[in-house]
């Protein structure tokens, strides 16, 4: 299967940028999720309030991803 995206530049420069950089944005989101997970799992001395806040942030990140029909895994 082959797919081709066509953009009229410079009018569609923003759309082109989003399409071209989508993989990098995904990697940032994956890195953020991994960072939150690592802090929850491995950080010694993490207060209960901090752990709750980190988990809530991670849950919200997953919710945003799912709402857009995407997956990190």
PDB file of N, CA and C in Angstrom:
ATOM      1  N   UNK A   1       0.843  -1.173   0.000  1.00  0.00           N
ATOM      2  CA  UNK A   1       0.000   0.000   0.000  1.00  0.00           C
ATOM      3  C   UNK A   1       0.888   1.235   0.000  1.00  0.00           C
ATOM      4  N   UNK A   2       0.500   2.213  -0.760  1.00  0.00           N
ATOM      5  CA  UNK A   2       1.232   3.469  -0.841  1.00  0.00           C
ATOM      6  C   UNK A   2       0.269   4.606  -0.544  1.00  0.00           C
ATOM      7  N   UNK A   3       0.743   5.564   0.222  1.00  0.00           N
ATOM      8  CA  UNK A   3      -0.053   6.754   0.517  1.00  0.00           C
ATOM      9  C   UNK A   3       0.790   7.978   0.213  1.00  0.00           C
ATOM     10  N   UNK A   4       0.172   8.973  -0.375  1.00  0.00           N
ATOM     11  CA  UNK A   4       0.857  10.205  -0.705  1.00  0.00           C
ATOM     12  C   UNK A   4       0.058  11.378  -0.158  1.00  0.00           C
ATOM     13  N   UNK A   5       0.741  12.227   0.586  1.00  0.00           N
ATOM     14  CA  UNK A   5       0.119  13.463   1.066  1.00  0.00           C
ATOM     15  C   UNK A   5       0.645  14.597   0.215  1.00  0.00           C
ATOM     16  N   UNK A   6      -0.248  15.483  -0.193  1.00  0.00           N
ATOM     17  CA  UNK A   6       0.140  16.610  -1.026  1.00  0.00           C
ATOM     18  C   UNK A   6      -0.261  17.896  -0.324  1.00  0.00           C
ATOM     19  N   UNK A   7       0.653  18.835  -0.292  1.00  0.00           N
ATOM     20  CA  UNK A   7       0.408  20.123   0.349  1.00  0.00           C
ATOM     21  C   UNK A   7       0.719  21.239  -0.630  1.00  0.00           C
ATOM     22  N   UNK A   8      -0.048  22.300  -0.556  1.00  0.00           N
ATOM     23  CA  UNK A   8       0.210  23.497  -1.341  1.00  0.00           C
ATOM     24  C   UNK A   8       0.966  24.464  -0.437  1.00  0.00           C
ATOM     25  N   UNK A   9       2.246  24.614  -0.709  1.00  0.00           N
ATOM     26  CA  UNK A   9       3.083  25.492   0.108  1.00  0.00           C
ATOM     27  C   UNK A   9       3.217  26.841  -0.581  1.00  0.00           C
ATOM     28  N   UNK A  10       3.257  27.907   0.123  1.00  0.00           N
ATOM     29  CA  UNK A  10       3.363  28.028   1.576  1.00  0.00           C
ATOM     30  C   UNK A  10       2.014  28.078   2.297  1.00  0.00           C
ATOM     31  N   UNK A  11       0.910  28.052   1.567  1.00  0.00           N
ATOM     32  CA  UNK A  11      -0.401  28.189   2.204  1.00  0.00           C
ATOM     33  C   UNK A  11      -0.669  27.108   3.250  1.00  0.00           C
ATOM     34  N   UNK A  12      -0.223  25.898   3.011  1.00  0.00           N
ATOM     35  CA  UNK A  12      -0.479  24.783   3.921  1.00  0.00           C
ATOM     36  C   UNK A  12       0.779  24.378   4.706  1.00  0.00           C
ATOM     37  N   UNK A  13       1.627  25.347   4.977  1.00  0.00           N
ATOM     38  CA  UNK A  13       2.876  25.077   5.685  1.00  0.00           C
ATOM     39  C   UNK A  13       2.628  24.461   7.057  1.00  0.00           C
ATOM     40  N   UNK A  14       1.657  24.969   7.790  1.00  0.00           N
ATOM     41  CA  UNK A  14       1.373  24.437   9.122  1.00  0.00           C
ATOM     42  C   UNK A  14       0.907  22.980   9.054  1.00  0.00           C
ATOM     43  N   UNK A  15       0.027  22.665   8.123  1.00  0.00           N
ATOM     44  CA  UNK A  15      -0.437  21.294   7.959  1.00  0.00           C
ATOM     45  C   UNK A  15       0.710  20.367   7.568  1.00  0.00           C
ATOM     46  N   UNK A  16       1.589  20.843   6.685  1.00  0.00           N
ATOM     47  CA  UNK A  16       2.758  20.065   6.295  1.00  0.00           C
ATOM     48  C   UNK A  16       3.655  19.792   7.496  1.00  0.00           C
ATOM     49  N   UNK A  17       3.894  20.815   8.295  1.00  0.00           N
ATOM     50  CA  UNK A  17       4.734  20.670   9.483  1.00  0.00           C
ATOM     51  C   UNK A  17       4.155  19.613  10.425  1.00  0.00           C
ATOM     52  N   UNK A  18       2.845  19.676  10.676  1.00  0.00           N
ATOM     53  CA  UNK A  18       2.212  18.703  11.567  1.00  0.00           C
ATOM     54  C   UNK A  18       2.349  17.284  11.027  1.00  0.00           C
ATOM     55  N   UNK A  19       2.151  17.114   9.747  1.00  0.00           N
ATOM     56  CA  UNK A  19       2.279  15.782   9.149  1.00  0.00           C
ATOM     57  C   UNK A  19       3.726  15.295   9.198  1.00  0.00           C
ATOM     58  N   UNK A  20       4.658  16.178   8.940  1.00  0.00           N
ATOM     59  CA  UNK A  20       6.065  15.790   8.889  1.00  0.00           C
ATOM     60  C   UNK A  20       6.639  15.517  10.271  1.00  0.00           C
ATOM     61  N   UNK A  21       6.130  16.181  11.285  1.00  0.00           N
ATOM     62  CA  UNK A  21       6.688  16.065  12.637  1.00  0.00           C
ATOM     63  C   UNK A  21       5.839  15.219  13.576  1.00  0.00           C
ATOM     64  N   UNK A  22       4.843  14.540  13.063  1.00  0.00           N
ATOM     65  CA  UNK A  22       3.959  13.741  13.904  1.00  0.00           C
ATOM     66  C   UNK A  22       4.680  12.678  14.710  1.00  0.00           C
ATOM     67  N   UNK A  23       5.658  12.014  14.120  1.00  0.00           N
ATOM     68  CA  UNK A  23       6.391  10.963  14.831  1.00  0.00           C
ATOM     69  C   UNK A  23       7.172  11.534  16.007  1.00  0.00           C
ATOM     70  N   UNK A  24       7.735  12.731  15.832  1.00  0.00           N
ATOM     71  CA  UNK A  24       8.475  13.351  16.922  1.00  0.00           C
ATOM     72  C   UNK A  24       7.553  13.705  18.088  1.00  0.00           C
ATOM     73  N   UNK A  25       6.361  14.203  17.766  1.00  0.00           N
ATOM     74  CA  UNK A  25       5.394  14.511  18.830  1.00  0.00           C
ATOM     75  C   UNK A  25       4.995  13.240  19.572  1.00  0.00           C
ATOM     76  N   UNK A  26       4.807  12.164  18.841  1.00  0.00           N
ATOM     77  CA  UNK A  26       4.461  10.901  19.495  1.00  0.00           C
ATOM     78  C   UNK A  26       5.574  10.461  20.437  1.00  0.00           C
ATOM     79  N   UNK A  27       6.822  10.595  20.004  1.00  0.00           N
ATOM     80  CA  UNK A  27       7.945  10.204  20.853  1.00  0.00           C
ATOM     81  C   UNK A  27       8.004  11.053  22.123  1.00  0.00           C
ATOM     82  N   UNK A  28       7.665  12.327  22.015  1.00  0.00           N
ATOM     83  CA  UNK A  28       7.635  13.191  23.199  1.00  0.00           C
ATOM     84  C   UNK A  28       6.581  12.693  24.181  1.00  0.00           C
ATOM     85  N   UNK A  29       5.410  12.361  23.674  1.00  0.00           N
ATOM     86  CA  UNK A  29       4.336  11.865  24.545  1.00  0.00           C
ATOM     87  C   UNK A  29       4.735  10.532  25.175  1.00  0.00           C
ATOM     88  N   UNK A  30       5.348   9.644  24.394  1.00  0.00           N
ATOM     89  CA  UNK A  30       5.820   8.370  24.943  1.00  0.00           C
ATOM     90  C   UNK A  30       6.883   8.600  26.020  1.00  0.00           C
ATOM     91  N   UNK A  31       7.801   9.530  25.771  1.00  0.00           N
ATOM     92  CA  UNK A  31       8.843   9.840  26.759  1.00  0.00           C
ATOM     93  C   UNK A  31       8.244  10.405  28.041  1.00  0.00           C
ATOM     94  N   UNK A  32       7.254  11.280  27.907  1.00  0.00           N
ATOM     95  CA  UNK A  32       6.597  11.846  29.084  1.00  0.00           C
ATOM     96  C   UNK A  32       5.900  10.753  29.879  1.00  0.00           C
ATOM     97  N   UNK A  33       5.202   9.854  29.202  1.00  0.00           N
ATOM     98  CA  UNK A  33       4.536   8.751  29.884  1.00  0.00           C
ATOM     99  C   UNK A  33       5.551   7.873  30.617  1.00  0.00           C
ATOM    100  N   UNK A  34       6.668   7.563  29.959  1.00  0.00           N
ATOM    101  CA  UNK A  34       7.706   6.740  30.581  1.00  0.00           C
ATOM    102  C   UNK A  34       8.326   7.446  31.786  1.00  0.00           C
ATOM    103  N   UNK A  35       8.505   8.744  31.681  1.00  0.00           N
ATOM    104  CA  UNK A  35       9.056   9.527  32.795  1.00  0.00           C
ATOM    105  C   UNK A  35       8.115   9.489  34.000  1.00  0.00           C
ATOM    106  N   UNK A  36       6.840   9.715  33.760  1.00  0.00           N
ATOM    107  CA  UNK A  36       5.863   9.674  34.853  1.00  0.00           C
ATOM    108  C   UNK A  36       5.821   8.285  35.483  1.00  0.00           C
ATOM    109  N   UNK A  37       5.812   7.253  34.652  1.00  0.00           N
ATOM    110  CA  UNK A  37       5.790   5.871  35.154  1.00  0.00           C
ATOM    111  C   UNK A  37       7.026   5.583  35.997  1.00  0.00           C
ATOM    112  N   UNK A  38       8.186   5.999  35.513  1.00  0.00           N
ATOM    113  CA  UNK A  38       9.438   5.752  36.227  1.00  0.00           C
ATOM    114  C   UNK A  38       9.457   6.455  37.582  1.00  0.00           C
ATOM    115  N   UNK A  39       9.003   7.688  37.621  1.00  0.00           N
ATOM    116  CA  UNK A  39       8.963   8.399  38.899  1.00  0.00           C
ATOM    117  C   UNK A  39       8.024   7.715  39.872  1.00  0.00           C
ATOM    118  N   UNK A  40       6.891   7.264  39.402  1.00  0.00           N
ATOM    119  CA  UNK A  40       5.941   6.571  40.275  1.00  0.00           C
ATOM    120  C   UNK A  40       6.516   5.260  40.801  1.00  0.00           C
ATOM    121  N   UNK A  41       7.242   4.555  39.952  1.00  0.00           N
ATOM    122  CA  UNK A  41       7.719   3.228  40.308  1.00  0.00           C
ATOM    123  C   UNK A  41       9.024   3.242  41.105  1.00  0.00           C
ATOM    124  N   UNK A  42       9.910   4.197  40.809  1.00  0.00           N
ATOM    125  CA  UNK A  42      11.269   4.104  41.334  1.00  0.00           C
ATOM    126  C   UNK A  42      11.705   5.234  42.260  1.00  0.00           C
ATOM    127  N   UNK A  43      10.953   6.319  42.331  1.00  0.00           N
ATOM    128  CA  UNK A  43      11.425   7.453  43.123  1.00  0.00           C
ATOM    129  C   UNK A  43      11.181   7.209  44.605  1.00  0.00           C
ATOM    130  N   UNK A  44      12.263   7.154  45.340  1.00  0.00           N
ATOM    131  CA  UNK A  44      12.178   6.969  46.787  1.00  0.00           C
ATOM    132  C   UNK A  44      11.746   8.272  47.454  1.00  0.00           C
ATOM    133  N   UNK A  45      10.981   8.146  48.509  1.00  0.00           N
ATOM    134  CA  UNK A  45      10.570   9.313  49.271  1.00  0.00           C
ATOM    135  C   UNK A  45       9.480  10.142  48.625  1.00  0.00           C
ATOM    136  N   UNK A  46       8.830   9.605  47.627  1.00  0.00           N
ATOM    137  CA  UNK A  46       7.740  10.319  46.955  1.00  0.00           C
ATOM    138  C   UNK A  46       6.542  10.370  47.899  1.00  0.00           C
ATOM    139  N   UNK A  47       6.071  11.575  48.179  1.00  0.00           N
ATOM    140  CA  UNK A  47       4.930  11.696  49.088  1.00  0.00           C
ATOM    141  C   UNK A  47       3.682  11.119  48.429  1.00  0.00           C
ATOM    142  N   UNK A  48       2.718  10.776  49.258  1.00  0.00           N
ATOM    143  CA  UNK A  48       1.458  10.242  48.730  1.00  0.00           C
ATOM    144  C   UNK A  48       0.774  11.253  47.826  1.00  0.00           C
ATOM    145  N   UNK A  49       0.797  12.535  48.227  1.00  0.00           N
ATOM    146  CA  UNK A  49       0.188  13.581  47.398  1.00  0.00           C
ATOM    147  C   UNK A  49       0.884  13.700  46.046  1.00  0.00           C
ATOM    148  N   UNK A  50       2.215  13.623  46.059  1.00  0.00           N
ATOM    149  CA  UNK A  50       2.960  13.702  44.804  1.00  0.00           C
ATOM    150  C   UNK A  50       2.654  12.504  43.918  1.00  0.00           C
ATOM    151  N   UNK A  51       2.576  11.318  44.519  1.00  0.00           N
ATOM    152  CA  UNK A  51       2.259  10.110  43.747  1.00  0.00           C
ATOM    153  C   UNK A  51       0.866  10.208  43.136  1.00  0.00           C
ATOM    154  N   UNK A  52      -0.075  10.725  43.901  1.00  0.00           N
ATOM    155  CA  UNK A  52      -1.445  10.893  43.389  1.00  0.00           C
ATOM    156  C   UNK A  52      -1.446  11.878  42.222  1.00  0.00           C
ATOM    157  N   UNK A  53      -0.697  12.970  42.355  1.00  0.00           N
ATOM    158  CA  UNK A  53      -0.638  13.981  41.289  1.00  0.00           C
ATOM    159  C   UNK A  53       0.028  13.417  40.034  1.00  0.00           C
ATOM    160  N   UNK A  54       1.113  12.674  40.205  1.00  0.00           N
ATOM    161  CA  UNK A  54       1.782  12.077  39.053  1.00  0.00           C
ATOM    162  C   UNK A  54       0.876  11.069  38.348  1.00  0.00           C
ATOM    163  N   UNK A  55       0.171  10.242  39.121  1.00  0.00           N
ATOM    164  CA  UNK A  55      -0.723   9.253  38.522  1.00  0.00           C
ATOM    165  C   UNK A  55      -1.886   9.936  37.816  1.00  0.00           C
ATOM    166  N   UNK A  56      -2.419  10.995  38.425  1.00  0.00           N
ATOM    167  CA  UNK A  56      -3.518  11.737  37.793  1.00  0.00           C
ATOM    168  C   UNK A  56      -3.057  12.352  36.472  1.00  0.00           C
ATOM    169  N   UNK A  57      -1.833  12.862  36.448  1.00  0.00           N
ATOM    170  CA  UNK A  57      -1.282  13.436  35.222  1.00  0.00           C
ATOM    171  C   UNK A  57      -1.113  12.364  34.161  1.00  0.00           C
ATOM    172  N   UNK A  58      -0.599  11.222  34.549  1.00  0.00           N
ATOM    173  CA  UNK A  58      -0.426  10.119  33.598  1.00  0.00           C
ATOM    174  C   UNK A  58      -1.775   9.631  33.075  1.00  0.00           C
ATOM    175  N   UNK A  59      -2.747   9.516  33.960  1.00  0.00           N
ATOM    176  CA  UNK A  59      -4.088   9.101  33.539  1.00  0.00           C
ATOM    177  C   UNK A  59      -4.682  10.101  32.546  1.00  0.00           C
ATOM    178  N   UNK A  60      -4.496  11.393  32.809  1.00  0.00           N
ATOM    179  CA  UNK A  60      -5.032  12.428  31.916  1.00  0.00           C
ATOM    180  C   UNK A  60      -4.339  12.369  30.565  1.00  0.00           C
ATOM    181  N   UNK A  61      -3.040  12.136  30.557  1.00  0.00           N
ATOM    182  CA  UNK A  61      -2.308  11.986  29.305  1.00  0.00           C
ATOM    183  C   UNK A  61      -2.884  10.837  28.484  1.00  0.00           C
ATOM    184  N   UNK A  62      -3.126   9.695  29.130  1.00  0.00           N
ATOM    185  CA  UNK A  62      -3.710   8.536  28.434  1.00  0.00           C
ATOM    186  C   UNK A  62      -5.120   8.857  27.943  1.00  0.00           C
ATOM    187  N   UNK A  63      -5.871   9.612  28.730  1.00  0.00           N
ATOM    188  CA  UNK A  63      -7.229  10.005  28.323  1.00  0.00           C
ATOM    189  C   UNK A  63      -7.185  10.873  27.067  1.00  0.00           C
ATOM    190  N   UNK A  64      -6.277  11.859  27.037  1.00  0.00           N
ATOM    191  CA  UNK A  64      -6.158  12.723  25.853  1.00  0.00           C
ATOM    192  C   UNK A  64      -5.807  11.908  24.611  1.00  0.00           C
ATOM    193  N   UNK A  65      -4.898  10.974  24.764  1.00  0.00           N
ATOM    194  CA  UNK A  65      -4.489  10.127  23.644  1.00  0.00           C
ATOM    195  C   UNK A  65      -5.677   9.299  23.150  1.00  0.00           C
ATOM    196  N   UNK A  66      -6.384   8.663  24.085  1.00  0.00           N
ATOM    197  CA  UNK A  66      -7.512   7.803  23.719  1.00  0.00           C
ATOM    198  C   UNK A  66      -8.656   8.591  23.081  1.00  0.00           C
ATOM    199  N   UNK A  67      -8.912   9.804  23.579  1.00  0.00           N
ATOM    200  CA  UNK A  67      -9.984  10.632  23.028  1.00  0.00           C
ATOM    201  C   UNK A  67      -9.792  10.935  21.562  1.00  0.00           C
ATOM    202  N   UNK A  68      -8.542  10.925  21.126  1.00  0.00           N
ATOM    203  CA  UNK A  68      -8.243  11.214  19.726  1.00  0.00           C
ATOM    204  C   UNK A  68      -8.082   9.943  18.896  1.00  0.00           C
ATOM    205  N   UNK A  69      -8.447   8.808  19.507  1.00  0.00           N
ATOM    206  CA  UNK A  69      -8.378   7.542  18.794  1.00  0.00           C
ATOM    207  C   UNK A  69      -6.960   7.063  18.550  1.00  0.00           C
ATOM    208  N   UNK A  70      -6.032   7.493  19.401  1.00  0.00           N
ATOM    209  CA  UNK A  70      -4.633   7.123  19.243  1.00  0.00           C
ATOM    210  C   UNK A  70      -4.236   6.120  20.323  1.00  0.00           C
ATOM    211  N   UNK A  71      -3.036   5.586  20.193  1.00  0.00           N
ATOM    212  CA  UNK A  71      -2.520   4.633  21.166  1.00  0.00           C
ATOM    213  C   UNK A  71      -1.033   4.849  21.332  1.00  0.00           C
ATOM    214  N   UNK A  72      -0.543   4.713  22.550  1.00  0.00           N
ATOM    215  CA  UNK A  72       0.889   4.799  22.777  1.00  0.00           C
ATOM    216  C   UNK A  72       1.567   3.448  22.637  1.00  0.00           C
ATOM    217  N   UNK A  73       0.781   2.395  22.585  1.00  0.00           N
ATOM    218  CA  UNK A  73       1.365   1.062  22.626  1.00  0.00           C
ATOM    219  C   UNK A  73       1.007   0.271  21.380  1.00  0.00           C
TER     220      UNK A  73
END
